[in-house]
Amino acid sequence: MEYEELKKLLKENNLTLKKFSELSEVSYRTCSGWGEEGRKVSDWVKPFLALYSENQRLKALEDKIKSVCDEVNNK
């Protein structure tokens, strides 16, 4: 993956490079270095971000379900 695609995927997931670095436990310096001198982004990053995105979607769905259940239980 090219660095430009990484930036796009981070933006789609509302992540900064710093936050991604923290989530993935990869040093910020390593992450920011992917864009330098034509260095490619590590192969694991794209599937990691796909799983992160799916996880965020499922968390939001879970929150909605809990909210509906709470409303039903409070009636």
PDB file of N, CA and C in Angstrom:
ATOM      1  N   MET A   1       0.846  -1.172   0.000  1.00  0.00           N
ATOM      2  CA  MET A   1       0.000   0.000   0.000  1.00  0.00           C
ATOM      3  C   MET A   1       0.890   1.232   0.000  1.00  0.00           C
ATOM      4  N   GLU A   2       0.461   2.217  -0.730  1.00  0.00           N
ATOM      5  CA  GLU A   2       1.177   3.491  -0.764  1.00  0.00           C
ATOM      6  C   GLU A   2       0.731   4.364   0.419  1.00  0.00           C
ATOM      7  N   TYR A   3       1.567   5.299   0.779  1.00  0.00           N
ATOM      8  CA  TYR A   3       1.299   6.184   1.912  1.00  0.00           C
ATOM      9  C   TYR A   3       0.020   6.996   1.701  1.00  0.00           C
ATOM     10  N   GLU A   4      -0.246   7.396   0.457  1.00  0.00           N
ATOM     11  CA  GLU A   4      -1.459   8.171   0.166  1.00  0.00           C
ATOM     12  C   GLU A   4      -2.717   7.371   0.488  1.00  0.00           C
ATOM     13  N   GLU A   5      -2.690   6.074   0.209  1.00  0.00           N
ATOM     14  CA  GLU A   5      -3.839   5.223   0.545  1.00  0.00           C
ATOM     15  C   GLU A   5      -3.994   5.106   2.056  1.00  0.00           C
ATOM     16  N   LEU A   6      -2.877   5.012   2.766  1.00  0.00           N
ATOM     17  CA  LEU A   6      -2.933   4.979   4.227  1.00  0.00           C
ATOM     18  C   LEU A   6      -3.607   6.238   4.751  1.00  0.00           C
ATOM     19  N   LYS A   7      -3.193   7.391   4.255  1.00  0.00           N
ATOM     20  CA  LYS A   7      -3.794   8.649   4.712  1.00  0.00           C
ATOM     21  C   LYS A   7      -5.293   8.665   4.449  1.00  0.00           C
ATOM     22  N   LYS A   8      -5.705   8.154   3.291  1.00  0.00           N
ATOM     23  CA  LYS A   8      -7.126   8.094   2.945  1.00  0.00           C
ATOM     24  C   LYS A   8      -7.881   7.180   3.911  1.00  0.00           C
ATOM     25  N   LEU A   9      -7.322   6.006   4.184  1.00  0.00           N
ATOM     26  CA  LEU A   9      -7.977   5.062   5.091  1.00  0.00           C
ATOM     27  C   LEU A   9      -8.047   5.614   6.518  1.00  0.00           C
ATOM     28  N   LEU A  10      -7.004   6.299   6.937  1.00  0.00           N
ATOM     29  CA  LEU A  10      -7.030   6.920   8.267  1.00  0.00           C
ATOM     30  C   LEU A  10      -8.138   7.960   8.345  1.00  0.00           C
ATOM     31  N   LYS A  11      -8.250   8.772   7.314  1.00  0.00           N
ATOM     32  CA  LYS A  11      -9.281   9.808   7.292  1.00  0.00           C
ATOM     33  C   LYS A  11     -10.673   9.183   7.327  1.00  0.00           C
ATOM     34  N   GLU A  12     -10.883   8.113   6.548  1.00  0.00           N
ATOM     35  CA  GLU A  12     -12.174   7.431   6.522  1.00  0.00           C
ATOM     36  C   GLU A  12     -12.549   6.873   7.891  1.00  0.00           C
ATOM     37  N   ASN A  13     -11.545   6.547   8.685  1.00  0.00           N
ATOM     38  CA  ASN A  13     -11.772   5.988  10.014  1.00  0.00           C
ATOM     39  C   ASN A  13     -11.618   7.012  11.132  1.00  0.00           C
ATOM     40  N   ASN A  14     -11.536   8.275  10.750  1.00  0.00           N
ATOM     41  CA  ASN A  14     -11.387   9.366  11.723  1.00  0.00           C
ATOM     42  C   ASN A  14     -10.198   9.144  12.656  1.00  0.00           C
ATOM     43  N   LEU A  15      -9.088   8.722  12.075  1.00  0.00           N
ATOM     44  CA  LEU A  15      -7.877   8.483  12.843  1.00  0.00           C
ATOM     45  C   LEU A  15      -6.769   9.420  12.366  1.00  0.00           C
ATOM     46  N   THR A  16      -5.982   9.869  13.302  1.00  0.00           N
ATOM     47  CA  THR A  16      -4.749  10.564  12.959  1.00  0.00           C
ATOM     48  C   THR A  16      -3.640   9.514  12.893  1.00  0.00           C
ATOM     49  N   LEU A  17      -2.531   9.879  12.313  1.00  0.00           N
ATOM     50  CA  LEU A  17      -1.403   8.960  12.272  1.00  0.00           C
ATOM     51  C   LEU A  17      -0.929   8.651  13.693  1.00  0.00           C
ATOM     52  N   LYS A  18      -0.981   9.641  14.559  1.00  0.00           N
ATOM     53  CA  LYS A  18      -0.581   9.439  15.958  1.00  0.00           C
ATOM     54  C   LYS A  18      -1.498   8.438  16.648  1.00  0.00           C
ATOM     55  N   LYS A  19      -2.806   8.589  16.473  1.00  0.00           N
ATOM     56  CA  LYS A  19      -3.765   7.671  17.092  1.00  0.00           C
ATOM     57  C   LYS A  19      -3.580   6.262  16.522  1.00  0.00           C
ATOM     58  N   PHE A  20      -3.377   6.161  15.206  1.00  0.00           N
ATOM     59  CA  PHE A  20      -3.115   4.857  14.590  1.00  0.00           C
ATOM     60  C   PHE A  20      -1.875   4.231  15.200  1.00  0.00           C
ATOM     61  N   SER A  21      -0.841   5.025  15.378  1.00  0.00           N
ATOM     62  CA  SER A  21       0.396   4.553  15.976  1.00  0.00           C
ATOM     63  C   SER A  21       0.135   3.968  17.367  1.00  0.00           C
ATOM     64  N   GLU A  22      -0.670   4.662  18.146  1.00  0.00           N
ATOM     65  CA  GLU A  22      -0.998   4.192  19.491  1.00  0.00           C
ATOM     66  C   GLU A  22      -1.826   2.903  19.446  1.00  0.00           C
ATOM     67  N   LEU A  23      -2.834   2.860  18.572  1.00  0.00           N
ATOM     68  CA  LEU A  23      -3.692   1.675  18.463  1.00  0.00           C
ATOM     69  C   LEU A  23      -2.916   0.441  18.015  1.00  0.00           C
ATOM     70  N   SER A  24      -2.013   0.634  17.074  1.00  0.00           N
ATOM     71  CA  SER A  24      -1.280  -0.486  16.494  1.00  0.00           C
ATOM     72  C   SER A  24      -0.008  -0.819  17.268  1.00  0.00           C
ATOM     73  N   GLU A  25       0.327   0.035  18.216  1.00  0.00           N
ATOM     74  CA  GLU A  25       1.539  -0.121  19.016  1.00  0.00           C
ATOM     75  C   GLU A  25       2.807  -0.142  18.150  1.00  0.00           C
ATOM     76  N   VAL A  26       2.772   0.694  17.125  1.00  0.00           N
ATOM     77  CA  VAL A  26       3.930   0.905  16.267  1.00  0.00           C
ATOM     78  C   VAL A  26       4.390   2.340  16.503  1.00  0.00           C
ATOM     79  N   SER A  27       5.677   2.542  16.607  1.00  0.00           N
ATOM     80  CA  SER A  27       6.153   3.890  16.912  1.00  0.00           C
ATOM     81  C   SER A  27       5.687   4.890  15.847  1.00  0.00           C
ATOM     82  N   TYR A  28       5.420   6.087  16.312  1.00  0.00           N
ATOM     83  CA  TYR A  28       4.989   7.149  15.397  1.00  0.00           C
ATOM     84  C   TYR A  28       6.059   7.395  14.341  1.00  0.00           C
ATOM     85  N   ARG A  29       7.286   7.325  14.749  1.00  0.00           N
ATOM     86  CA  ARG A  29       8.391   7.554  13.808  1.00  0.00           C
ATOM     87  C   ARG A  29       8.360   6.527  12.667  1.00  0.00           C
ATOM     88  N   THR A  30       8.076   5.280  12.999  1.00  0.00           N
ATOM     89  CA  THR A  30       7.967   4.236  11.964  1.00  0.00           C
ATOM     90  C   THR A  30       6.805   4.532  11.040  1.00  0.00           C
ATOM     91  N   CYS A  31       5.651   4.859  11.626  1.00  0.00           N
ATOM     92  CA  CYS A  31       4.455   5.139  10.826  1.00  0.00           C
ATOM     93  C   CYS A  31       4.673   6.339   9.903  1.00  0.00           C
ATOM     94  N   SER A  32       5.246   7.389  10.424  1.00  0.00           N
ATOM     95  CA  SER A  32       5.455   8.577   9.595  1.00  0.00           C
ATOM     96  C   SER A  32       6.543   8.333   8.556  1.00  0.00           C
ATOM     97  N   GLY A  33       7.449   7.403   8.835  1.00  0.00           N
ATOM     98  CA  GLY A  33       8.511   7.087   7.902  1.00  0.00           C
ATOM     99  C   GLY A  33       8.042   6.349   6.663  1.00  0.00           C
ATOM    100  N   TRP A  34       6.848   5.738   6.737  1.00  0.00           N
ATOM    101  CA  TRP A  34       6.336   5.030   5.574  1.00  0.00           C
ATOM    102  C   TRP A  34       6.185   5.947   4.369  1.00  0.00           C
ATOM    103  N   GLY A  35       5.961   7.202   4.595  1.00  0.00           N
ATOM    104  CA  GLY A  35       5.783   8.121   3.485  1.00  0.00           C
ATOM    105  C   GLY A  35       7.071   8.701   2.937  1.00  0.00           C
ATOM    106  N   GLU A  36       8.174   8.379   3.541  1.00  0.00           N
ATOM    107  CA  GLU A  36       9.455   8.958   3.152  1.00  0.00           C
ATOM    108  C   GLU A  36      10.209   8.059   2.171  1.00  0.00           C
ATOM    109  N   GLU A  37      10.860   8.673   1.247  1.00  0.00           N
ATOM    110  CA  GLU A  37      11.758   8.003   0.317  1.00  0.00           C
ATOM    111  C   GLU A  37      11.125   6.783  -0.340  1.00  0.00           C
ATOM    112  N   GLY A  38       9.833   6.856  -0.633  1.00  0.00           N
ATOM    113  CA  GLY A  38       9.164   5.777  -1.347  1.00  0.00           C
ATOM    114  C   GLY A  38       8.949   4.508  -0.547  1.00  0.00           C
ATOM    115  N   ARG A  39       9.123   4.567   0.771  1.00  0.00           N
ATOM    116  CA  ARG A  39       8.916   3.374   1.603  1.00  0.00           C
ATOM    117  C   ARG A  39       7.444   2.988   1.584  1.00  0.00           C
ATOM    118  N   LYS A  40       7.178   1.741   1.369  1.00  0.00           N
ATOM    119  CA  LYS A  40       5.809   1.230   1.345  1.00  0.00           C
ATOM    120  C   LYS A  40       5.311   1.022   2.773  1.00  0.00           C
ATOM    121  N   VAL A  41       4.006   1.129   2.907  1.00  0.00           N
ATOM    122  CA  VAL A  41       3.355   0.846   4.183  1.00  0.00           C
ATOM    123  C   VAL A  41       3.367  -0.671   4.375  1.00  0.00           C
ATOM    124  N   SER A  42       3.574  -1.124   5.594  1.00  0.00           N
ATOM    125  CA  SER A  42       3.610  -2.559   5.884  1.00  0.00           C
ATOM    126  C   SER A  42       2.324  -3.248   5.441  1.00  0.00           C
ATOM    127  N   ASP A  43       2.461  -4.490   5.021  1.00  0.00           N
ATOM    128  CA  ASP A  43       1.331  -5.245   4.470  1.00  0.00           C
ATOM    129  C   ASP A  43       0.185  -5.460   5.464  1.00  0.00           C
ATOM    130  N   TRP A  44       0.455  -5.501   6.750  1.00  0.00           N
ATOM    131  CA  TRP A  44      -0.571  -5.786   7.739  1.00  0.00           C
ATOM    132  C   TRP A  44      -1.494  -4.595   7.997  1.00  0.00           C
ATOM    133  N   VAL A  45      -1.108  -3.418   7.553  1.00  0.00           N
ATOM    134  CA  VAL A  45      -1.843  -2.200   7.909  1.00  0.00           C
ATOM    135  C   VAL A  45      -3.249  -2.178   7.293  1.00  0.00           C
ATOM    136  N   LYS A  46      -3.378  -2.539   6.034  1.00  0.00           N
ATOM    137  CA  LYS A  46      -4.688  -2.484   5.377  1.00  0.00           C
ATOM    138  C   LYS A  46      -5.695  -3.417   6.054  1.00  0.00           C
ATOM    139  N   PRO A  47      -5.368  -4.699   6.300  1.00  0.00           N
ATOM    140  CA  PRO A  47      -6.324  -5.546   7.010  1.00  0.00           C
ATOM    141  C   PRO A  47      -6.597  -5.069   8.439  1.00  0.00           C
ATOM    142  N   PHE A  48      -5.583  -4.505   9.089  1.00  0.00           N
ATOM    143  CA  PHE A  48      -5.765  -3.963  10.432  1.00  0.00           C
ATOM    144  C   PHE A  48      -6.818  -2.862  10.416  1.00  0.00           C
ATOM    145  N   LEU A  49      -6.717  -1.956   9.453  1.00  0.00           N
ATOM    146  CA  LEU A  49      -7.679  -0.854   9.364  1.00  0.00           C
ATOM    147  C   LEU A  49      -9.061  -1.346   8.946  1.00  0.00           C
ATOM    148  N   ALA A  50      -9.126  -2.392   8.135  1.00  0.00           N
ATOM    149  CA  ALA A  50     -10.421  -2.962   7.769  1.00  0.00           C
ATOM    150  C   ALA A  50     -11.101  -3.545   9.003  1.00  0.00           C
ATOM    151  N   LEU A  51     -10.354  -4.245   9.831  1.00  0.00           N
ATOM    152  CA  LEU A  51     -10.907  -4.796  11.070  1.00  0.00           C
ATOM    153  C   LEU A  51     -11.290  -3.694  12.050  1.00  0.00           C
ATOM    154  N   TYR A  52     -10.476  -2.667  12.123  1.00  0.00           N
ATOM    155  CA  TYR A  52     -10.789  -1.528  12.991  1.00  0.00           C
ATOM    156  C   TYR A  52     -12.111  -0.892  12.560  1.00  0.00           C
ATOM    157  N   SER A  53     -12.265  -0.698  11.261  1.00  0.00           N
ATOM    158  CA  SER A  53     -13.481  -0.092  10.723  1.00  0.00           C
ATOM    159  C   SER A  53     -14.703  -0.945  11.040  1.00  0.00           C
ATOM    160  N   GLU A  54     -14.593  -2.237  10.826  1.00  0.00           N
ATOM    161  CA  GLU A  54     -15.699  -3.149  11.120  1.00  0.00           C
ATOM    162  C   GLU A  54     -16.024  -3.144  12.610  1.00  0.00           C
ATOM    163  N   ASN A  55     -15.012  -3.118  13.433  1.00  0.00           N
ATOM    164  CA  ASN A  55     -15.209  -3.072  14.876  1.00  0.00           C
ATOM    165  C   ASN A  55     -15.949  -1.805  15.296  1.00  0.00           C
ATOM    166  N   GLN A  56     -15.574  -0.682  14.717  1.00  0.00           N
ATOM    167  CA  GLN A  56     -16.246   0.575  15.044  1.00  0.00           C
ATOM    168  C   GLN A  56     -17.713   0.542  14.613  1.00  0.00           C
ATOM    169  N   ARG A  57     -17.974  -0.048  13.443  1.00  0.00           N
ATOM    170  CA  ARG A  57     -19.345  -0.171  12.952  1.00  0.00           C
ATOM    171  C   ARG A  57     -20.167  -1.062  13.887  1.00  0.00           C
ATOM    172  N   LEU A  58     -19.591  -2.158  14.336  1.00  0.00           N
ATOM    173  CA  LEU A  58     -20.300  -3.066  15.228  1.00  0.00           C
ATOM    174  C   LEU A  58     -20.523  -2.456  16.610  1.00  0.00           C
ATOM    175  N   LYS A  59     -19.564  -1.678  17.084  1.00  0.00           N
ATOM    176  CA  LYS A  59     -19.746  -0.984  18.364  1.00  0.00           C
ATOM    177  C   LYS A  59     -20.901  -0.001  18.285  1.00  0.00           C
ATOM    178  N   ALA A  60     -20.997   0.719  17.184  1.00  0.00           N
ATOM    179  CA  ALA A  60     -22.095   1.672  16.999  1.00  0.00           C
ATOM    180  C   ALA A  60     -23.431   0.933  16.954  1.00  0.00           C
ATOM    181  N   LEU A  61     -23.473  -0.191  16.282  1.00  0.00           N
ATOM    182  CA  LEU A  61     -24.689  -1.001  16.214  1.00  0.00           C
ATOM    183  C   LEU A  61     -25.063  -1.523  17.594  1.00  0.00           C
ATOM    184  N   GLU A  62     -24.082  -1.984  18.332  1.00  0.00           N
ATOM    185  CA  GLU A  62     -24.319  -2.458  19.691  1.00  0.00           C
ATOM    186  C   GLU A  62     -24.902  -1.345  20.564  1.00  0.00           C
ATOM    187  N   ASP A  63     -24.363  -0.147  20.443  1.00  0.00           N
ATOM    188  CA  ASP A  63     -24.873   0.993  21.212  1.00  0.00           C
ATOM    189  C   ASP A  63     -26.324   1.284  20.863  1.00  0.00           C
ATOM    190  N   LYS A  64     -26.674   1.202  19.576  1.00  0.00           N
ATOM    191  CA  LYS A  64     -28.057   1.430  19.160  1.00  0.00           C
ATOM    192  C   LYS A  64     -28.982   0.371  19.724  1.00  0.00           C
ATOM    193  N   ILE A  65     -28.542  -0.882  19.685  1.00  0.00           N
ATOM    194  CA  ILE A  65     -29.352  -1.977  20.219  1.00  0.00           C
ATOM    195  C   ILE A  65     -29.568  -1.792  21.717  1.00  0.00           C
ATOM    196  N   LYS A  66     -28.519  -1.454  22.446  1.00  0.00           N
ATOM    197  CA  LYS A  66     -28.641  -1.214  23.886  1.00  0.00           C
ATOM    198  C   LYS A  66     -29.606  -0.072  24.168  1.00  0.00           C
ATOM    199  N   SER A  67     -29.524   0.979  23.354  1.00  0.00           N
ATOM    200  CA  SER A  67     -30.408   2.126  23.533  1.00  0.00           C
ATOM    201  C   SER A  67     -31.865   1.729  23.327  1.00  0.00           C
ATOM    202  N   VAL A  68     -32.148   0.958  22.297  1.00  0.00           N
ATOM    203  CA  VAL A  68     -33.514   0.496  22.045  1.00  0.00           C
ATOM    204  C   VAL A  68     -33.994  -0.411  23.179  1.00  0.00           C
ATOM    205  N   CYS A  69     -33.144  -1.298  23.615  1.00  0.00           N
ATOM    206  CA  CYS A  69     -33.508  -2.196  24.710  1.00  0.00           C
ATOM    207  C   CYS A  69     -33.798  -1.404  25.989  1.00  0.00           C
ATOM    208  N   ASP A  70     -32.985  -0.401  26.261  1.00  0.00           N
ATOM    209  CA  ASP A  70     -33.217   0.448  27.428  1.00  0.00           C
ATOM    210  C   ASP A  70     -34.570   1.166  27.338  1.00  0.00           C
ATOM    211  N   GLU A  71     -34.893   1.663  26.144  1.00  0.00           N
ATOM    212  CA  GLU A  71     -36.176   2.338  25.939  1.00  0.00           C
ATOM    213  C   GLU A  71     -37.326   1.378  26.169  1.00  0.00           C
ATOM    214  N   VAL A  72     -37.225   0.161  25.666  1.00  0.00           N
ATOM    215  CA  VAL A  72     -38.278  -0.840  25.819  1.00  0.00           C
ATOM    216  C   VAL A  72     -38.420  -1.228  27.279  1.00  0.00           C
ATOM    217  N   ASN A  73     -37.314  -1.396  27.968  1.00  0.00           N
ATOM    218  CA  ASN A  73     -37.337  -1.805  29.378  1.00  0.00           C
ATOM    219  C   ASN A  73     -37.856  -0.712  30.295  1.00  0.00           C
ATOM    220  N   ASN A  74     -37.742   0.533  29.883  1.00  0.00           N
ATOM    221  CA  ASN A  74     -38.194   1.654  30.706  1.00  0.00           C
ATOM    222  C   ASN A  74     -39.646   2.012  30.487  1.00  0.00           C
ATOM    223  N   LYS A  75     -40.309   1.331  29.577  1.00  0.00           N
ATOM    224  CA  LYS A  75     -41.729   1.624  29.299  1.00  0.00           C
ATOM    225  C   LYS A  75     -42.622   0.867  30.230  1.00  0.00           C
TER     226      LYS A  75
END
